[in-house]
Structure formats: C-alpha cells, structure tokens
PDB file of N, CA and C in Angstrom:
ATOM      1  N   MET A   1      75.221 106.139 104.035  1.00  0.00           N
ATOM      2  CA  MET A   1      75.775 105.370 103.016  1.00  0.00           C
ATOM      3  C   MET A   1      77.057 104.451 103.727  1.00  0.00           C
ATOM      4  N   GLU A   2      76.745 103.256 103.603  1.00  0.00           N
ATOM      5  CA  GLU A   2      78.022 102.403 104.161  1.00  0.00           C
ATOM      6  C   GLU A   2      78.766 102.451 102.925  1.00  0.00           C
ATOM      7  N   SER A   3      80.301 102.277 103.396  1.00  0.00           N
ATOM      8  CA  SER A   3      81.278 101.971 102.771  1.00  0.00           C
ATOM      9  C   SER A   3      81.628 100.614 102.496  1.00  0.00           C
ATOM     10  N   GLN A   4      81.605 100.049 101.398  1.00  0.00           N
ATOM     11  CA  GLN A   4      82.400  98.467 101.458  1.00  0.00           C
ATOM     12  C   GLN A   4      83.914  98.116 101.950  1.00  0.00           C
ATOM     13  N   PHE A   5      83.890  97.261 102.476  1.00  0.00           N
ATOM     14  CA  PHE A   5      85.278  97.099 103.427  1.00  0.00           C
ATOM     15  C   PHE A   5      85.583  95.602 102.464  1.00  0.00           C
ATOM     16  N   ASP A   6      86.466  95.723 101.196  1.00  0.00           N
ATOM     17  CA  ASP A   6      86.693  94.637 100.738  1.00  0.00           C
ATOM     18  C   ASP A   6      88.168  93.905 101.349  1.00  0.00           C
ATOM     19  N   LYS A   7      87.938  92.850 102.157  1.00  0.00           N
ATOM     20  CA  LYS A   7      88.661  91.770 102.871  1.00  0.00           C
ATOM     21  C   LYS A   7      89.926  91.626 102.345  1.00  0.00           C
ATOM     22  N   LYS A   8      89.731  91.243 100.720  1.00  0.00           N
ATOM     23  CA  LYS A   8      90.605  90.427  99.993  1.00  0.00           C
ATOM     24  C   LYS A   8      91.638  91.597  99.607  1.00  0.00           C
ATOM     25  N   GLN A   9      91.053  92.858  99.372  1.00  0.00           N
ATOM     26  CA  GLN A   9      91.497  93.905  98.722  1.00  0.00           C
ATOM     27  C   GLN A   9      92.763  94.551 100.097  1.00  0.00           C
ATOM     28  N   HIS A  10      92.349  94.461 101.227  1.00  0.00           N
ATOM     29  CA  HIS A  10      92.876  94.980 102.180  1.00  0.00           C
ATOM     30  C   HIS A  10      94.137  94.153 102.457  1.00  0.00           C
ATOM     31  N   LEU A  11      93.824  92.529 102.371  1.00  0.00           N
ATOM     32  CA  LEU A  11      94.868  91.611 102.624  1.00  0.00           C
ATOM     33  C   LEU A  11      96.188  91.952 101.500  1.00  0.00           C
ATOM     34  N   ARG A  12      95.245  91.852 100.321  1.00  0.00           N
ATOM     35  CA  ARG A  12      96.657  91.908  99.382  1.00  0.00           C
ATOM     36  C   ARG A  12      97.638  93.482  99.690  1.00  0.00           C
ATOM     37  N   GLU A  13      96.874  94.559 100.200  1.00  0.00           N
ATOM     38  CA  GLU A  13      97.501  95.649 100.280  1.00  0.00           C
ATOM     39  C   GLU A  13      98.493  95.448 101.742  1.00  0.00           C
ATOM     40  N   ARG A  14      98.014  94.562 102.753  1.00  0.00           N
ATOM     41  CA  ARG A  14      98.969  94.667 103.514  1.00  0.00           C
ATOM     42  C   ARG A  14     100.336  93.711 103.454  1.00  0.00           C
ATOM     43  N   LEU A  15      99.966  92.596 102.480  1.00  0.00           N
ATOM     44  CA  LEU A  15     101.093  91.622 102.166  1.00  0.00           C
ATOM     45  C   LEU A  15     101.944  92.395 101.026  1.00  0.00           C
ATOM     46  N   GLU A  16     101.523  93.334 100.182  1.00  0.00           N
ATOM     47  CA  GLU A  16     102.402  94.419  99.316  1.00  0.00           C
ATOM     48  C   GLU A  16     103.254  95.077  99.875  1.00  0.00           C
ATOM     49  N   PHE A  17     102.735  95.643 101.346  1.00  0.00           N
ATOM     50  CA  PHE A  17     103.425  96.624 102.123  1.00  0.00           C
ATOM     51  C   PHE A  17     104.608  95.604 102.720  1.00  0.00           C
ATOM     52  N   ILE A  18     104.416  94.665 103.028  1.00  0.00           N
ATOM     53  CA  ILE A  18     104.933  93.444 104.031  1.00  0.00           C
ATOM     54  C   ILE A  18     106.269  93.376 102.945  1.00  0.00           C
ATOM     55  N   HIS A  19     105.900  92.923 101.818  1.00  0.00           N
ATOM     56  CA  HIS A  19     107.096  92.652 100.740  1.00  0.00           C
ATOM     57  C   HIS A  19     107.884  93.793 100.761  1.00  0.00           C
ATOM     58  N   PHE A  20     107.254  94.940 100.349  1.00  0.00           N
ATOM     59  CA  PHE A  20     107.703  96.216  99.704  1.00  0.00           C
ATOM     60  C   PHE A  20     108.927  96.737 101.155  1.00  0.00           C
ATOM     61  N   TYR A  21     108.477  96.600 102.664  1.00  0.00           N
ATOM     62  CA  TYR A  21     109.356  96.556 103.218  1.00  0.00           C
ATOM     63  C   TYR A  21     110.252  95.956 104.020  1.00  0.00           C
ATOM     64  N   SER A  22     110.108  94.598 103.587  1.00  0.00           N
ATOM     65  CA  SER A  22     111.378  93.666 103.887  1.00  0.00           C
ATOM     66  C   SER A  22     112.075  93.956 102.722  1.00  0.00           C
ATOM     67  N   LYS A  23     111.965  94.139 101.676  1.00  0.00           N
ATOM     68  CA  LYS A  23     112.763  94.332 100.314  1.00  0.00           C
ATOM     69  C   LYS A  23     113.759  95.593 100.780  1.00  0.00           C
ATOM     70  N   TRP A  24     113.259  96.608 101.363  1.00  0.00           N
ATOM     71  CA  TRP A  24     113.846  97.939 101.774  1.00  0.00           C
ATOM     72  C   TRP A  24     114.688  97.444 102.929  1.00  0.00           C
ATOM     73  N   VAL A  25     114.365  96.927 104.254  1.00  0.00           N
ATOM     74  CA  VAL A  25     115.082  96.242 105.153  1.00  0.00           C
ATOM     75  C   VAL A  25     116.193  95.721 104.864  1.00  0.00           C
ATOM     76  N   LYS A  26     116.104  95.079 103.828  1.00  0.00           N
ATOM     77  CA  LYS A  26     117.402  94.284 103.140  1.00  0.00           C
ATOM     78  C   LYS A  26     117.980  95.010 102.590  1.00  0.00           C
ATOM     79  N   SER A  27     117.993  95.894 101.640  1.00  0.00           N
ATOM     80  CA  SER A  27     118.682  96.803 100.919  1.00  0.00           C
ATOM     81  C   SER A  27     119.435  97.962 101.617  1.00  0.00           C
ATOM     82  N   VAL A  28     119.335  98.379 102.954  1.00  0.00           N
ATOM     83  CA  VAL A  28     119.624  99.134 103.788  1.00  0.00           C
ATOM     84  C   VAL A  28     120.888  98.767 104.751  1.00  0.00           C
ATOM     85  N   PRO A  29     121.985  99.749 105.223  1.00  0.00           N
ATOM     86  CA  PRO A  29     122.597  99.337 106.164  1.00  0.00           C
ATOM     87  C   PRO A  29     122.018  98.831 107.298  1.00  0.00           C
ATOM     88  N   ASN A  30     122.029  98.025 108.234  1.00  0.00           N
ATOM     89  CA  ASN A  30     121.735  97.857 109.621  1.00  0.00           C
ATOM     90  C   ASN A  30     121.609  98.990 110.089  1.00  0.00           C
ATOM     91  N   GLU A  31     122.753 100.068 110.306  1.00  0.00           N
ATOM     92  CA  GLU A  31     122.791 101.031 110.959  1.00  0.00           C
ATOM     93  C   GLU A  31     121.494 102.086 110.646  1.00  0.00           C
ATOM     94  N   VAL A  32     121.324 102.074 109.461  1.00  0.00           N
ATOM     95  CA  VAL A  32     119.876 102.843 109.189  1.00  0.00           C
ATOM     96  C   VAL A  32     118.634 102.339 109.656  1.00  0.00           C
ATOM     97  N   TRP A  33     118.404 100.964 109.075  1.00  0.00           N
ATOM     98  CA  TRP A  33     116.958 100.481 109.892  1.00  0.00           C
ATOM     99  C   TRP A  33     116.971 100.473 111.244  1.00  0.00           C
ATOM    100  N   SER A  34     118.081 100.079 111.914  1.00  0.00           N
ATOM    101  CA  SER A  34     117.787  99.724 113.248  1.00  0.00           C
ATOM    102  C   SER A  34     117.610 101.520 114.097  1.00  0.00           C
ATOM    103  N   LYS A  35     118.308 102.324 113.725  1.00  0.00           N
ATOM    104  CA  LYS A  35     117.943 103.815 114.063  1.00  0.00           C
ATOM    105  C   LYS A  35     116.564 104.015 113.631  1.00  0.00           C
ATOM    106  N   GLN A  36     116.048 103.867 112.541  1.00  0.00           N
ATOM    107  CA  GLN A  36     114.546 104.363 112.390  1.00  0.00           C
ATOM    108  C   GLN A  36     113.705 103.489 113.515  1.00  0.00           C
ATOM    109  N   GLN A  37     113.977 102.267 113.583  1.00  0.00           N
ATOM    110  CA  GLN A  37     112.960 101.437 114.257  1.00  0.00           C
ATOM    111  C   GLN A  37     113.186 101.733 115.779  1.00  0.00           C
ATOM    112  N   ALA A  38     114.364 102.256 116.137  1.00  0.00           N
ATOM    113  CA  ALA A  38     114.566 102.751 117.702  1.00  0.00           C
ATOM    114  C   ALA A  38     113.723 104.005 117.460  1.00  0.00           C
ATOM    115  N   GLU A  39     113.904 104.993 116.795  1.00  0.00           N
ATOM    116  CA  GLU A  39     113.068 106.432 116.846  1.00  0.00           C
ATOM    117  C   GLU A  39     111.473 105.967 116.941  1.00  0.00           C
ATOM    118  N   PHE A  40     111.189 104.864 116.135  1.00  0.00           N
ATOM    119  CA  PHE A  40     109.569 104.720 115.962  1.00  0.00           C
ATOM    120  C   PHE A  40     109.086 104.154 117.582  1.00  0.00           C
ATOM    121  N   ILE A  41     109.888 103.100 118.148  1.00  0.00           N
ATOM    122  CA  ILE A  41     109.783 102.876 119.177  1.00  0.00           C
ATOM    123  C   ILE A  41     109.662 103.757 120.342  1.00  0.00           C
ATOM    124  N   ASP A  42     110.726 104.550 120.524  1.00  0.00           N
ATOM    125  CA  ASP A  42     110.793 105.483 121.427  1.00  0.00           C
ATOM    126  C   ASP A  42     109.717 106.677 121.000  1.00  0.00           C
ATOM    127  N   SER A  43     109.074 106.850 119.704  1.00  0.00           N
ATOM    128  CA  SER A  43     107.913 107.701 119.678  1.00  0.00           C
ATOM    129  C   SER A  43     106.614 106.946 120.080  1.00  0.00           C
ATOM    130  N   LEU A  44     106.526 105.920 120.033  1.00  0.00           N
ATOM    131  CA  LEU A  44     105.206 105.024 120.831  1.00  0.00           C
ATOM    132  C   LEU A  44     105.323 105.095 122.266  1.00  0.00           C
ATOM    133  N   PHE A  45     106.386 105.357 122.963  1.00  0.00           N
ATOM    134  CA  PHE A  45     106.468 105.318 124.187  1.00  0.00           C
ATOM    135  C   PHE A  45     106.237 106.729 124.786  1.00  0.00           C
ATOM    136  N   ASP A  46     106.666 107.860 123.758  1.00  0.00           N
ATOM    137  CA  ASP A  46     106.288 108.952 124.332  1.00  0.00           C
ATOM    138  C   ASP A  46     104.986 109.485 123.908  1.00  0.00           C
ATOM    139  N   ASN A  47     104.461 108.898 123.002  1.00  0.00           N
ATOM    140  CA  ASN A  47     102.928 109.016 123.006  1.00  0.00           C
ATOM    141  C   ASN A  47     102.056 108.215 123.813  1.00  0.00           C
ATOM    142  N   ALA A  48     102.551 107.362 124.587  1.00  0.00           N
ATOM    143  CA  ALA A  48     101.839 106.618 125.577  1.00  0.00           C
ATOM    144  C   ALA A  48     101.773 107.268 126.648  1.00  0.00           C
ATOM    145  N   LYS A  49     103.009 108.328 126.835  1.00  0.00           N
ATOM    146  CA  LYS A  49     102.740 109.261 128.221  1.00  0.00           C
ATOM    147  C   LYS A  49     101.705 110.157 128.234  1.00  0.00           C
ATOM    148  N   ASN A  50     101.477 110.391 126.794  1.00  0.00           N
ATOM    149  CA  ASN A  50     100.325 111.662 126.484  1.00  0.00           C
ATOM    150  C   ASN A  50      99.075 110.996 126.624  1.00  0.00           C
ATOM    151  N   PHE A  51      98.723 109.667 127.057  1.00  0.00           N
ATOM    152  CA  PHE A  51      97.438 109.165 126.822  1.00  0.00           C
ATOM    153  C   PHE A  51      96.687 109.559 128.170  1.00  0.00           C
ATOM    154  N   LYS A  52      95.484 109.899 127.377  1.00  0.00           N
ATOM    155  CA  LYS A  52      94.328 110.560 128.716  1.00  0.00           C
ATOM    156  C   LYS A  52      93.985 109.848 129.806  1.00  0.00           C
ATOM    157  N   LEU A  53      93.951 108.047 129.896  1.00  0.00           N
ATOM    158  CA  LEU A  53      93.277 107.257 130.585  1.00  0.00           C
ATOM    159  C   LEU A  53      94.380 106.503 131.215  1.00  0.00           C
ATOM    160  N   SER A  54      94.447 106.174 132.220  1.00  0.00           N
ATOM    161  CA  SER A  54      95.413 105.504 133.077  1.00  0.00           C
ATOM    162  C   SER A  54      95.384 104.063 132.537  1.00  0.00           C
ATOM    163  N   ALA A  55      96.048 103.212 132.764  1.00  0.00           N
ATOM    164  CA  ALA A  55      96.188 101.750 132.117  1.00  0.00           C
ATOM    165  C   ALA A  55      95.016 101.064 133.034  1.00  0.00           C
ATOM    166  N   GLU A  56      94.624 101.387 134.097  1.00  0.00           N
ATOM    167  CA  GLU A  56      93.793 100.734 134.573  1.00  0.00           C
ATOM    168  C   GLU A  56      91.986 100.925 134.269  1.00  0.00           C
ATOM    169  N   LYS A  57      91.900 102.353 133.814  1.00  0.00           N
ATOM    170  CA  LYS A  57      90.695 102.903 133.019  1.00  0.00           C
ATOM    171  C   LYS A  57      90.610 102.369 131.734  1.00  0.00           C
ATOM    172  N   TYR A  58      91.715 102.461 130.815  1.00  0.00           N
ATOM    173  CA  TYR A  58      91.699 101.806 129.825  1.00  0.00           C
ATOM    174  C   TYR A  58      91.272 100.148 129.717  1.00  0.00           C
ATOM    175  N   LEU A  59      91.964  99.392 130.345  1.00  0.00           N
ATOM    176  CA  LEU A  59      91.500  97.971 130.589  1.00  0.00           C
ATOM    177  C   LEU A  59      90.290  97.989 130.899  1.00  0.00           C
ATOM    178  N   LYS A  60      89.511  98.558 131.819  1.00  0.00           N
ATOM    179  CA  LYS A  60      88.303  98.439 132.131  1.00  0.00           C
ATOM    180  C   LYS A  60      87.230  98.788 131.038  1.00  0.00           C
ATOM    181  N   SER A  61      87.412 100.023 129.956  1.00  0.00           N
ATOM    182  CA  SER A  61      86.710 100.150 129.076  1.00  0.00           C
ATOM    183  C   SER A  61      86.763  99.071 127.963  1.00  0.00           C
ATOM    184  N   ILE A  62      87.921  98.391 127.959  1.00  0.00           N
ATOM    185  CA  ILE A  62      87.652  97.582 126.737  1.00  0.00           C
ATOM    186  C   ILE A  62      87.276  96.236 127.282  1.00  0.00           C
ATOM    187  N   ARG A  63      87.255  95.923 128.444  1.00  0.00           N
ATOM    188  CA  ARG A  63      86.446  94.803 128.926  1.00  0.00           C
ATOM    189  C   ARG A  63      84.821  94.752 128.619  1.00  0.00           C
ATOM    190  N   ARG A  64      84.337  95.884 128.600  1.00  0.00           N
ATOM    191  CA  ARG A  64      82.915  96.195 128.405  1.00  0.00           C
ATOM    192  C   ARG A  64      82.291  95.564 127.050  1.00  0.00           C
TER     193      ARG A  64
END
C-alpha cells in the first residue's frame, strides 16, 4: 500500500515551522539562540566524521 504524499500539507507544515522558529529566535536572548546553533553545527561536523563513505565515494554514488 502506497502512502499519499500531500505536497500542499507538507508546504504548510514547513511554513508553520519557519514561523514558529523565527518567533522563537526573536523572543530569546542572542546568547541562547547562538549557543544552540553552534551546538547543532558542531554536532553536524562530528557526525560527518563518522560517515562510512569517503567524500569521493559518496559523490560518485550520487552521480549515478
């Protein structure tokens, strides 16, 4: 059974999140917001170190 993907609903949800997050960013001190962003970015870099494919192999696989 295939699930139906509702593009309009997906777009509405994404826009709702953007509005929610932008209100949050405006409502908290810059130190709180920037600290969370730094932690998030650092976690992306840490996670990238554990990626099983080299950059070359990854790029080769997505070119196919």
